[in-house]
Amino acid sequence: MVDCWTQVEHERLTWIQYHQNDLRSESYNELANALHHDTDLNNVGQRVILPSTFAGSPRQMHELYQDAMAIVRHCGRADLFVTFTCNTAWPEIHDALLSCRENSC
């Protein structure tokens, strides 16, 4: 399973690497700033920009953070942070699952 996931992730990263023009990576500010400053371009290497659609990328994390802050701005701060835990062996859980299975929930 891990090998399959790794292979899929490798294919996604390879596609992103070879399709930077399709992703319009030249329009990103960081890349433009690096090229305009007095840096030795021989030491820079090839930069690959990960889009925000790539799960776990810094751009996606920033986008998710911005979304969360927009929700807080719209709805206000949370008053309570409630978590629930249960034991899956509880009879109530089994009864609820069995009744759901019988009723096609």
PDB file of N, CA and C in Angstrom:
ATOM      1  N   MET A   1       0.816  -1.181   0.000  1.00  0.00           N
ATOM      2  CA  MET A   1       0.000   0.000   0.000  1.00  0.00           C
ATOM      3  C   MET A   1       0.864   1.251   0.000  1.00  0.00           C
ATOM      4  N   VAL A   2       1.916   1.247   0.814  1.00  0.00           N
ATOM      5  CA  VAL A   2       2.808   2.399   0.884  1.00  0.00           C
ATOM      6  C   VAL A   2       3.529   2.592  -0.441  1.00  0.00           C
ATOM      7  N   ASP A   3       3.946   1.485  -1.067  1.00  0.00           N
ATOM      8  CA  ASP A   3       4.624   1.588  -2.354  1.00  0.00           C
ATOM      9  C   ASP A   3       3.702   2.179  -3.417  1.00  0.00           C
ATOM     10  N   CYS A   4       2.444   1.799  -3.396  1.00  0.00           N
ATOM     11  CA  CYS A   4       1.481   2.358  -4.358  1.00  0.00           C
ATOM     12  C   CYS A   4       1.289   3.842  -4.126  1.00  0.00           C
ATOM     13  N   TRP A   5       1.160   4.235  -2.870  1.00  0.00           N
ATOM     14  CA  TRP A   5       0.989   5.655  -2.559  1.00  0.00           C
ATOM     15  C   TRP A   5       2.220   6.447  -2.994  1.00  0.00           C
ATOM     16  N   THR A   6       3.404   5.890  -2.729  1.00  0.00           N
ATOM     17  CA  THR A   6       4.635   6.562  -3.111  1.00  0.00           C
ATOM     18  C   THR A   6       4.728   6.711  -4.621  1.00  0.00           C
ATOM     19  N   GLN A   7       4.334   5.701  -5.357  1.00  0.00           N
ATOM     20  CA  GLN A   7       4.377   5.766  -6.811  1.00  0.00           C
ATOM     21  C   GLN A   7       3.414   6.827  -7.342  1.00  0.00           C
ATOM     22  N   VAL A   8       2.226   6.889  -6.793  1.00  0.00           N
ATOM     23  CA  VAL A   8       1.259   7.905  -7.221  1.00  0.00           C
ATOM     24  C   VAL A   8       1.773   9.294  -6.896  1.00  0.00           C
ATOM     25  N   GLU A   9       2.331   9.471  -5.706  1.00  0.00           N
ATOM     26  CA  GLU A   9       2.870  10.773  -5.308  1.00  0.00           C
ATOM     27  C   GLU A   9       4.034  11.176  -6.214  1.00  0.00           C
ATOM     28  N   HIS A  10       4.865  10.226  -6.566  1.00  0.00           N
ATOM     29  CA  HIS A  10       5.984  10.498  -7.472  1.00  0.00           C
ATOM     30  C   HIS A  10       5.475  10.931  -8.842  1.00  0.00           C
ATOM     31  N   GLU A  11       4.457  10.264  -9.337  1.00  0.00           N
ATOM     32  CA  GLU A  11       3.888  10.636 -10.637  1.00  0.00           C
ATOM     33  C   GLU A  11       3.282  12.035 -10.604  1.00  0.00           C
ATOM     34  N   ARG A  12       2.601  12.369  -9.516  1.00  0.00           N
ATOM     35  CA  ARG A  12       2.029  13.713  -9.392  1.00  0.00           C
ATOM     36  C   ARG A  12       3.126  14.770  -9.364  1.00  0.00           C
ATOM     37  N   LEU A  13       4.192  14.517  -8.609  1.00  0.00           N
ATOM     38  CA  LEU A  13       5.294  15.474  -8.536  1.00  0.00           C
ATOM     39  C   LEU A  13       6.018  15.594  -9.868  1.00  0.00           C
ATOM     40  N   THR A  14       6.180  14.493 -10.568  1.00  0.00           N
ATOM     41  CA  THR A  14       6.819  14.532 -11.880  1.00  0.00           C
ATOM     42  C   THR A  14       5.981  15.336 -12.866  1.00  0.00           C
ATOM     43  N   TRP A  15       4.672  15.147 -12.829  1.00  0.00           N
ATOM     44  CA  TRP A  15       3.797  15.913 -13.722  1.00  0.00           C
ATOM     45  C   TRP A  15       3.916  17.403 -13.422  1.00  0.00           C
ATOM     46  N   ILE A  16       3.919  17.759 -12.151  1.00  0.00           N
ATOM     47  CA  ILE A  16       4.050  19.168 -11.770  1.00  0.00           C
ATOM     48  C   ILE A  16       5.386  19.727 -12.225  1.00  0.00           C
ATOM     49  N   GLN A  17       6.441  18.944 -12.094  1.00  0.00           N
ATOM     50  CA  GLN A  17       7.769  19.408 -12.491  1.00  0.00           C
ATOM     51  C   GLN A  17       7.830  19.709 -13.981  1.00  0.00           C
ATOM     52  N   TYR A  18       7.255  18.855 -14.807  1.00  0.00           N
ATOM     53  CA  TYR A  18       7.359  19.020 -16.250  1.00  0.00           C
ATOM     54  C   TYR A  18       6.252  19.870 -16.857  1.00  0.00           C
ATOM     55  N   HIS A  19       5.300  20.322 -16.065  1.00  0.00           N
ATOM     56  CA  HIS A  19       4.214  21.161 -16.569  1.00  0.00           C
ATOM     57  C   HIS A  19       4.162  22.508 -15.854  1.00  0.00           C
ATOM     58  N   GLN A  20       5.322  23.044 -15.519  1.00  0.00           N
ATOM     59  CA  GLN A  20       5.372  24.339 -14.850  1.00  0.00           C
ATOM     60  C   GLN A  20       4.797  25.449 -15.726  1.00  0.00           C
ATOM     61  N   ASN A  21       4.988  25.362 -17.044  1.00  0.00           N
ATOM     62  CA  ASN A  21       4.424  26.386 -17.934  1.00  0.00           C
ATOM     63  C   ASN A  21       2.901  26.339 -17.919  1.00  0.00           C
ATOM     64  N   ASP A  22       2.334  25.139 -17.848  1.00  0.00           N
ATOM     65  CA  ASP A  22       0.875  25.007 -17.781  1.00  0.00           C
ATOM     66  C   ASP A  22       0.326  25.569 -16.473  1.00  0.00           C
ATOM     67  N   LEU A  23       1.121  25.508 -15.420  1.00  0.00           N
ATOM     68  CA  LEU A  23       0.701  25.997 -14.114  1.00  0.00           C
ATOM     69  C   LEU A  23       0.988  27.486 -13.939  1.00  0.00           C
ATOM     70  N   ARG A  24       1.587  28.108 -14.933  1.00  0.00           N
ATOM     71  CA  ARG A  24       1.960  29.529 -14.915  1.00  0.00           C
ATOM     72  C   ARG A  24       2.852  29.853 -13.723  1.00  0.00           C
ATOM     73  N   SER A  25       3.856  29.037 -13.503  1.00  0.00           N
ATOM     74  CA  SER A  25       4.729  29.241 -12.350  1.00  0.00           C
ATOM     75  C   SER A  25       5.586  30.490 -12.483  1.00  0.00           C
ATOM     76  N   GLU A  26       5.736  31.029 -13.690  1.00  0.00           N
ATOM     77  CA  GLU A  26       6.558  32.228 -13.840  1.00  0.00           C
ATOM     78  C   GLU A  26       5.900  33.455 -13.230  1.00  0.00           C
ATOM     79  N   SER A  27       4.626  33.373 -12.960  1.00  0.00           N
ATOM     80  CA  SER A  27       3.930  34.530 -12.389  1.00  0.00           C
ATOM     81  C   SER A  27       4.032  34.597 -10.870  1.00  0.00           C
ATOM     82  N   TYR A  28       4.632  33.605 -10.241  1.00  0.00           N
ATOM     83  CA  TYR A  28       4.743  33.629  -8.788  1.00  0.00           C
ATOM     84  C   TYR A  28       5.810  34.628  -8.361  1.00  0.00           C
ATOM     85  N   ASN A  29       5.539  35.366  -7.324  1.00  0.00           N
ATOM     86  CA  ASN A  29       6.405  36.458  -6.900  1.00  0.00           C
ATOM     87  C   ASN A  29       7.780  36.006  -6.443  1.00  0.00           C
ATOM     88  N   GLU A  30       7.865  34.919  -5.718  1.00  0.00           N
ATOM     89  CA  GLU A  30       9.154  34.489  -5.184  1.00  0.00           C
ATOM     90  C   GLU A  30      10.147  34.197  -6.291  1.00  0.00           C
ATOM     91  N   LEU A  31       9.699  33.554  -7.327  1.00  0.00           N
ATOM     92  CA  LEU A  31      10.579  33.236  -8.439  1.00  0.00           C
ATOM     93  C   LEU A  31      11.024  34.508  -9.148  1.00  0.00           C
ATOM     94  N   ALA A  32      10.100  35.417  -9.378  1.00  0.00           N
ATOM     95  CA  ALA A  32      10.444  36.674 -10.038  1.00  0.00           C
ATOM     96  C   ALA A  32      11.421  37.480  -9.189  1.00  0.00           C
ATOM     97  N   ASN A  33      11.224  37.507  -7.877  1.00  0.00           N
ATOM     98  CA  ASN A  33      12.140  38.233  -6.996  1.00  0.00           C
ATOM     99  C   ASN A  33      13.536  37.643  -7.017  1.00  0.00           C
ATOM    100  N   ALA A  34      13.638  36.331  -7.047  1.00  0.00           N
ATOM    101  CA  ALA A  34      14.952  35.683  -7.072  1.00  0.00           C
ATOM    102  C   ALA A  34      15.692  35.998  -8.359  1.00  0.00           C
ATOM    103  N   LEU A  35      14.986  36.111  -9.458  1.00  0.00           N
ATOM    104  CA  LEU A  35      15.635  36.390 -10.735  1.00  0.00           C
ATOM    105  C   LEU A  35      16.040  37.854 -10.874  1.00  0.00           C
ATOM    106  N   HIS A  36      15.343  38.765 -10.206  1.00  0.00           N
ATOM    107  CA  HIS A  36      15.629  40.187 -10.334  1.00  0.00           C
ATOM    108  C   HIS A  36      16.701  40.682  -9.373  1.00  0.00           C
ATOM    109  N   HIS A  37      16.995  39.930  -8.336  1.00  0.00           N
ATOM    110  CA  HIS A  37      18.022  40.338  -7.389  1.00  0.00           C
ATOM    111  C   HIS A  37      19.394  39.955  -7.919  1.00  0.00           C
ATOM    112  N   ASP A  38      20.417  40.494  -7.312  1.00  0.00           N
ATOM    113  CA  ASP A  38      21.794  40.205  -7.733  1.00  0.00           C
ATOM    114  C   ASP A  38      22.237  38.867  -7.169  1.00  0.00           C
ATOM    115  N   THR A  39      21.686  37.808  -7.669  1.00  0.00           N
ATOM    116  CA  THR A  39      22.082  36.470  -7.231  1.00  0.00           C
ATOM    117  C   THR A  39      22.782  35.766  -8.375  1.00  0.00           C
ATOM    118  N   ASP A  40      23.665  34.871  -8.011  1.00  0.00           N
ATOM    119  CA  ASP A  40      24.362  34.070  -9.005  1.00  0.00           C
ATOM    120  C   ASP A  40      23.413  32.960  -9.453  1.00  0.00           C
ATOM    121  N   LEU A  41      22.897  33.058 -10.671  1.00  0.00           N
ATOM    122  CA  LEU A  41      21.901  32.110 -11.151  1.00  0.00           C
ATOM    123  C   LEU A  41      22.462  30.707 -11.363  1.00  0.00           C
ATOM    124  N   ASN A  42      23.782  30.567 -11.381  1.00  0.00           N
ATOM    125  CA  ASN A  42      24.368  29.238 -11.521  1.00  0.00           C
ATOM    126  C   ASN A  42      24.154  28.409 -10.256  1.00  0.00           C
ATOM    127  N   ASN A  43      23.985  29.066  -9.121  1.00  0.00           N
ATOM    128  CA  ASN A  43      23.814  28.358  -7.859  1.00  0.00           C
ATOM    129  C   ASN A  43      22.350  28.176  -7.472  1.00  0.00           C
ATOM    130  N   VAL A  44      21.433  28.731  -8.242  1.00  0.00           N
ATOM    131  CA  VAL A  44      20.032  28.691  -7.880  1.00  0.00           C
ATOM    132  C   VAL A  44      19.437  27.320  -8.158  1.00  0.00           C
ATOM    133  N   GLY A  45      19.739  26.711  -9.278  1.00  0.00           N
ATOM    134  CA  GLY A  45      19.153  25.440  -9.642  1.00  0.00           C
ATOM    135  C   GLY A  45      17.792  25.636 -10.276  1.00  0.00           C
ATOM    136  N   GLN A  46      17.075  24.574 -10.461  1.00  0.00           N
ATOM    137  CA  GLN A  46      15.757  24.660 -11.074  1.00  0.00           C
ATOM    138  C   GLN A  46      14.707  24.655  -9.973  1.00  0.00           C
ATOM    139  N   ARG A  47      13.933  25.692  -9.934  1.00  0.00           N
ATOM    140  CA  ARG A  47      12.896  25.808  -8.927  1.00  0.00           C
ATOM    141  C   ARG A  47      11.607  25.212  -9.473  1.00  0.00           C
ATOM    142  N   VAL A  48      10.961  24.385  -8.664  1.00  0.00           N
ATOM    143  CA  VAL A  48       9.676  23.798  -9.027  1.00  0.00           C
ATOM    144  C   VAL A  48       8.652  24.337  -8.043  1.00  0.00           C
ATOM    145  N   ILE A  49       7.624  24.986  -8.578  1.00  0.00           N
ATOM    146  CA  ILE A  49       6.587  25.569  -7.753  1.00  0.00           C
ATOM    147  C   ILE A  49       5.455  24.556  -7.590  1.00  0.00           C
ATOM    148  N   LEU A  50       5.131  24.235  -6.339  1.00  0.00           N
ATOM    149  CA  LEU A  50       4.016  23.332  -6.080  1.00  0.00           C
ATOM    150  C   LEU A  50       2.728  24.144  -6.024  1.00  0.00           C
ATOM    151  N   PRO A  51       1.701  23.746  -6.755  1.00  0.00           N
ATOM    152  CA  PRO A  51       0.444  24.483  -6.709  1.00  0.00           C
ATOM    153  C   PRO A  51      -0.291  24.231  -5.392  1.00  0.00           C
ATOM    154  N   SER A  52      -1.269  25.060  -5.125  1.00  0.00           N
ATOM    155  CA  SER A  52      -2.021  24.900  -3.880  1.00  0.00           C
ATOM    156  C   SER A  52      -2.911  23.660  -3.914  1.00  0.00           C
ATOM    157  N   THR A  53      -3.076  23.059  -5.084  1.00  0.00           N
ATOM    158  CA  THR A  53      -3.874  21.838  -5.172  1.00  0.00           C
ATOM    159  C   THR A  53      -3.089  20.603  -4.751  1.00  0.00           C
ATOM    160  N   PHE A  54      -1.765  20.731  -4.576  1.00  0.00           N
ATOM    161  CA  PHE A  54      -0.960  19.597  -4.140  1.00  0.00           C
ATOM    162  C   PHE A  54      -1.088  19.470  -2.627  1.00  0.00           C
ATOM    163  N   ALA A  55      -1.606  18.332  -2.170  1.00  0.00           N
ATOM    164  CA  ALA A  55      -1.881  18.122  -0.746  1.00  0.00           C
ATOM    165  C   ALA A  55      -0.597  18.178   0.074  1.00  0.00           C
ATOM    166  N   GLY A  56      -0.606  19.026   1.089  1.00  0.00           N
ATOM    167  CA  GLY A  56       0.534  19.138   1.984  1.00  0.00           C
ATOM    168  C   GLY A  56       1.544  20.176   1.577  1.00  0.00           C
ATOM    169  N   SER A  57       1.348  20.830   0.441  1.00  0.00           N
ATOM    170  CA  SER A  57       2.308  21.848   0.005  1.00  0.00           C
ATOM    171  C   SER A  57       2.160  23.093   0.869  1.00  0.00           C
ATOM    172  N   PRO A  58       3.223  23.884   0.969  1.00  0.00           N
ATOM    173  CA  PRO A  58       3.134  25.113   1.753  1.00  0.00           C
ATOM    174  C   PRO A  58       2.038  26.053   1.250  1.00  0.00           C
ATOM    175  N   ARG A  59       1.824  26.105  -0.051  1.00  0.00           N
ATOM    176  CA  ARG A  59       0.778  26.964  -0.595  1.00  0.00           C
ATOM    177  C   ARG A  59      -0.600  26.482  -0.160  1.00  0.00           C
ATOM    178  N   GLN A  60      -0.807  25.163  -0.109  1.00  0.00           N
ATOM    179  CA  GLN A  60      -2.098  24.649   0.334  1.00  0.00           C
ATOM    180  C   GLN A  60      -2.311  24.936   1.817  1.00  0.00           C
ATOM    181  N   MET A  61      -1.258  24.772   2.617  1.00  0.00           N
ATOM    182  CA  MET A  61      -1.381  25.053   4.045  1.00  0.00           C
ATOM    183  C   MET A  61      -1.714  26.524   4.276  1.00  0.00           C
ATOM    184  N   HIS A  62      -1.092  27.408   3.512  1.00  0.00           N
ATOM    185  CA  HIS A  62      -1.381  28.834   3.628  1.00  0.00           C
ATOM    186  C   HIS A  62      -2.826  29.117   3.218  1.00  0.00           C
ATOM    187  N   GLU A  63      -3.271  28.481   2.155  1.00  0.00           N
ATOM    188  CA  GLU A  63      -4.648  28.669   1.682  1.00  0.00           C
ATOM    189  C   GLU A  63      -5.661  28.172   2.722  1.00  0.00           C
ATOM    190  N   LEU A  64      -5.395  27.026   3.333  1.00  0.00           N
ATOM    191  CA  LEU A  64      -6.289  26.496   4.359  1.00  0.00           C
ATOM    192  C   LEU A  64      -6.324  27.409   5.591  1.00  0.00           C
ATOM    193  N   TYR A  65      -5.155  27.959   5.937  1.00  0.00           N
ATOM    194  CA  TYR A  65      -5.096  28.888   7.060  1.00  0.00           C
ATOM    195  C   TYR A  65      -5.925  30.136   6.761  1.00  0.00           C
ATOM    196  N   GLN A  66      -5.778  30.656   5.541  1.00  0.00           N
ATOM    197  CA  GLN A  66      -6.544  31.843   5.163  1.00  0.00           C
ATOM    198  C   GLN A  66      -8.046  31.556   5.187  1.00  0.00           C
ATOM    199  N   ASP A  67      -8.442  30.368   4.744  1.00  0.00           N
ATOM    200  CA  ASP A  67      -9.856  29.981   4.788  1.00  0.00           C
ATOM    201  C   ASP A  67     -10.359  29.924   6.232  1.00  0.00           C
ATOM    202  N   ALA A  68      -9.551  29.348   7.122  1.00  0.00           N
ATOM    203  CA  ALA A  68      -9.947  29.251   8.524  1.00  0.00           C
ATOM    204  C   ALA A  68     -10.090  30.636   9.146  1.00  0.00           C
ATOM    205  N   MET A  69      -9.178  31.549   8.807  1.00  0.00           N
ATOM    206  CA  MET A  69      -9.260  32.899   9.353  1.00  0.00           C
ATOM    207  C   MET A  69     -10.467  33.650   8.795  1.00  0.00           C
ATOM    208  N   ALA A  70     -10.839  33.359   7.552  1.00  0.00           N
ATOM    209  CA  ALA A  70     -12.031  33.985   6.978  1.00  0.00           C
ATOM    210  C   ALA A  70     -13.288  33.502   7.696  1.00  0.00           C
ATOM    211  N   ILE A  71     -13.320  32.229   8.066  1.00  0.00           N
ATOM    212  CA  ILE A  71     -14.461  31.689   8.810  1.00  0.00           C
ATOM    213  C   ILE A  71     -14.548  32.359  10.178  1.00  0.00           C
ATOM    214  N   VAL A  72     -13.402  32.521  10.846  1.00  0.00           N
ATOM    215  CA  VAL A  72     -13.390  33.174  12.157  1.00  0.00           C
ATOM    216  C   VAL A  72     -13.831  34.629  12.018  1.00  0.00           C
ATOM    217  N   ARG A  73     -13.383  35.301  10.970  1.00  0.00           N
ATOM    218  CA  ARG A  73     -13.770  36.694  10.759  1.00  0.00           C
ATOM    219  C   ARG A  73     -15.274  36.807  10.530  1.00  0.00           C
ATOM    220  N   HIS A  74     -15.843  35.855   9.800  1.00  0.00           N
ATOM    221  CA  HIS A  74     -17.270  35.897   9.495  1.00  0.00           C
ATOM    222  C   HIS A  74     -18.134  35.463  10.683  1.00  0.00           C
ATOM    223  N   CYS A  75     -17.749  34.373  11.335  1.00  0.00           N
ATOM    224  CA  CYS A  75     -18.580  33.780  12.395  1.00  0.00           C
ATOM    225  C   CYS A  75     -18.162  34.183  13.797  1.00  0.00           C
ATOM    226  N   GLY A  76     -16.966  34.690  13.956  1.00  0.00           N
ATOM    227  CA  GLY A  76     -16.454  35.014  15.281  1.00  0.00           C
ATOM    228  C   GLY A  76     -15.656  33.852  15.847  1.00  0.00           C
ATOM    229  N   ARG A  77     -15.004  34.135  16.954  1.00  0.00           N
ATOM    230  CA  ARG A  77     -14.186  33.098  17.593  1.00  0.00           C
ATOM    231  C   ARG A  77     -15.056  31.996  18.175  1.00  0.00           C
ATOM    232  N   ALA A  78     -14.502  30.816  18.218  1.00  0.00           N
ATOM    233  CA  ALA A  78     -15.216  29.679  18.811  1.00  0.00           C
ATOM    234  C   ALA A  78     -15.254  29.835  20.331  1.00  0.00           C
ATOM    235  N   ASP A  79     -16.403  29.556  20.910  1.00  0.00           N
ATOM    236  CA  ASP A  79     -16.540  29.642  22.361  1.00  0.00           C
ATOM    237  C   ASP A  79     -16.104  28.348  23.034  1.00  0.00           C
ATOM    238  N   LEU A  80     -16.376  27.240  22.377  1.00  0.00           N
ATOM    239  CA  LEU A  80     -16.076  25.931  22.951  1.00  0.00           C
ATOM    240  C   LEU A  80     -15.348  25.072  21.932  1.00  0.00           C
ATOM    241  N   PHE A  81     -14.471  24.244  22.425  1.00  0.00           N
ATOM    242  CA  PHE A  81     -13.846  23.233  21.588  1.00  0.00           C
ATOM    243  C   PHE A  81     -14.188  21.897  22.227  1.00  0.00           C
ATOM    244  N   VAL A  82     -15.131  21.188  21.633  1.00  0.00           N
ATOM    245  CA  VAL A  82     -15.664  19.970  22.231  1.00  0.00           C
ATOM    246  C   VAL A  82     -15.195  18.772  21.423  1.00  0.00           C
ATOM    247  N   THR A  83     -14.697  17.767  22.109  1.00  0.00           N
ATOM    248  CA  THR A  83     -14.325  16.521  21.449  1.00  0.00           C
ATOM    249  C   THR A  83     -15.099  15.383  22.089  1.00  0.00           C
ATOM    250  N   PHE A  84     -15.356  14.370  21.320  1.00  0.00           N
ATOM    251  CA  PHE A  84     -16.069  13.195  21.804  1.00  0.00           C
ATOM    252  C   PHE A  84     -15.229  11.963  21.524  1.00  0.00           C
ATOM    253  N   THR A  85     -15.246  11.061  22.459  1.00  0.00           N
ATOM    254  CA  THR A  85     -14.615   9.761  22.248  1.00  0.00           C
ATOM    255  C   THR A  85     -15.628   8.690  22.633  1.00  0.00           C
ATOM    256  N   CYS A  86     -15.492   7.552  22.017  1.00  0.00           N
ATOM    257  CA  CYS A  86     -16.373   6.452  22.379  1.00  0.00           C
ATOM    258  C   CYS A  86     -15.645   5.137  22.117  1.00  0.00           C
ATOM    259  N   ASN A  87     -16.165   4.141  22.712  1.00  0.00           N
ATOM    260  CA  ASN A  87     -15.638   2.803  22.524  1.00  0.00           C
ATOM    261  C   ASN A  87     -16.522   2.114  21.485  1.00  0.00           C
ATOM    262  N   THR A  88     -15.937   1.639  20.416  1.00  0.00           N
ATOM    263  CA  THR A  88     -16.737   1.014  19.352  1.00  0.00           C
ATOM    264  C   THR A  88     -17.375  -0.300  19.793  1.00  0.00           C
ATOM    265  N   ALA A  89     -16.967  -0.820  20.951  1.00  0.00           N
ATOM    266  CA  ALA A  89     -17.568  -2.060  21.459  1.00  0.00           C
ATOM    267  C   ALA A  89     -18.797  -1.792  22.324  1.00  0.00           C
ATOM    268  N   TRP A  90     -19.172  -0.533  22.542  1.00  0.00           N
ATOM    269  CA  TRP A  90     -20.345  -0.229  23.338  1.00  0.00           C
ATOM    270  C   TRP A  90     -21.592  -0.793  22.665  1.00  0.00           C
ATOM    271  N   PRO A  91     -22.523  -1.330  23.456  1.00  0.00           N
ATOM    272  CA  PRO A  91     -23.751  -1.877  22.867  1.00  0.00           C
ATOM    273  C   PRO A  91     -24.562  -0.827  22.121  1.00  0.00           C
ATOM    274  N   GLU A  92     -24.550   0.416  22.598  1.00  0.00           N
ATOM    275  CA  GLU A  92     -25.305   1.477  21.928  1.00  0.00           C
ATOM    276  C   GLU A  92     -24.790   1.704  20.500  1.00  0.00           C
ATOM    277  N   ILE A  93     -23.482   1.619  20.342  1.00  0.00           N
ATOM    278  CA  ILE A  93     -22.884   1.815  19.022  1.00  0.00           C
ATOM    279  C   ILE A  93     -23.287   0.659  18.109  1.00  0.00           C
ATOM    280  N   HIS A  94     -23.175  -0.575  18.608  1.00  0.00           N
ATOM    281  CA  HIS A  94     -23.554  -1.735  17.803  1.00  0.00           C
ATOM    282  C   HIS A  94     -25.034  -1.688  17.420  1.00  0.00           C
ATOM    283  N   ASP A  95     -25.901  -1.312  18.355  1.00  0.00           N
ATOM    284  CA  ASP A  95     -27.334  -1.231  18.062  1.00  0.00           C
ATOM    285  C   ASP A  95     -27.614  -0.178  17.000  1.00  0.00           C
ATOM    286  N   ALA A  96     -26.951   0.957  17.105  1.00  0.00           N
ATOM    287  CA  ALA A  96     -27.168   2.032  16.129  1.00  0.00           C
ATOM    288  C   ALA A  96     -26.683   1.608  14.750  1.00  0.00           C
ATOM    289  N   LEU A  97     -25.557   0.920  14.714  1.00  0.00           N
ATOM    290  CA  LEU A  97     -25.040   0.477  13.416  1.00  0.00           C
ATOM    291  C   LEU A  97     -25.913  -0.620  12.817  1.00  0.00           C
ATOM    292  N   LEU A  98     -26.397  -1.529  13.657  1.00  0.00           N
ATOM    293  CA  LEU A  98     -27.252  -2.601  13.152  1.00  0.00           C
ATOM    294  C   LEU A  98     -28.581  -2.049  12.647  1.00  0.00           C
ATOM    295  N   SER A  99     -29.172  -1.102  13.387  1.00  0.00           N
ATOM    296  CA  SER A  99     -30.444  -0.543  12.945  1.00  0.00           C
ATOM    297  C   SER A  99     -30.249   0.284  11.682  1.00  0.00           C
ATOM    298  N   CYS A 100     -29.118   0.914  11.565  1.00  0.00           N
ATOM    299  CA  CYS A 100     -28.833   1.699  10.363  1.00  0.00           C
ATOM    300  C   CYS A 100     -28.648   0.764   9.160  1.00  0.00           C
ATOM    301  N   ARG A 101     -27.987  -0.340   9.379  1.00  0.00           N
ATOM    302  CA  ARG A 101     -27.753  -1.296   8.310  1.00  0.00           C
ATOM    303  C   ARG A 101     -29.081  -1.912   7.847  1.00  0.00           C
ATOM    304  N   GLU A 102     -29.962  -2.192   8.792  1.00  0.00           N
ATOM    305  CA  GLU A 102     -31.267  -2.789   8.454  1.00  0.00           C
ATOM    306  C   GLU A 102     -32.174  -1.796   7.711  1.00  0.00           C
ATOM    307  N   ASN A 103     -32.065  -0.512   8.085  1.00  0.00           N
ATOM    308  CA  ASN A 103     -32.912   0.514   7.483  1.00  0.00           C
ATOM    309  C   ASN A 103     -32.258   1.192   6.275  1.00  0.00           C
ATOM    310  N   SER A 104     -31.112   0.735   5.896  1.00  0.00           N
ATOM    311  CA  SER A 104     -30.349   1.304   4.767  1.00  0.00           C
ATOM    312  C   SER A 104     -30.118   2.796   4.938  1.00  0.00           C
ATOM    313  N   CYS A 105     -29.513   3.167   6.072  1.00  0.00           N
ATOM    314  CA  CYS A 105     -29.206   4.577   6.353  1.00  0.00           C
ATOM    315  C   CYS A 105     -28.165   5.110   5.396  1.00  0.00           C
TER     316      CYS A 105
END
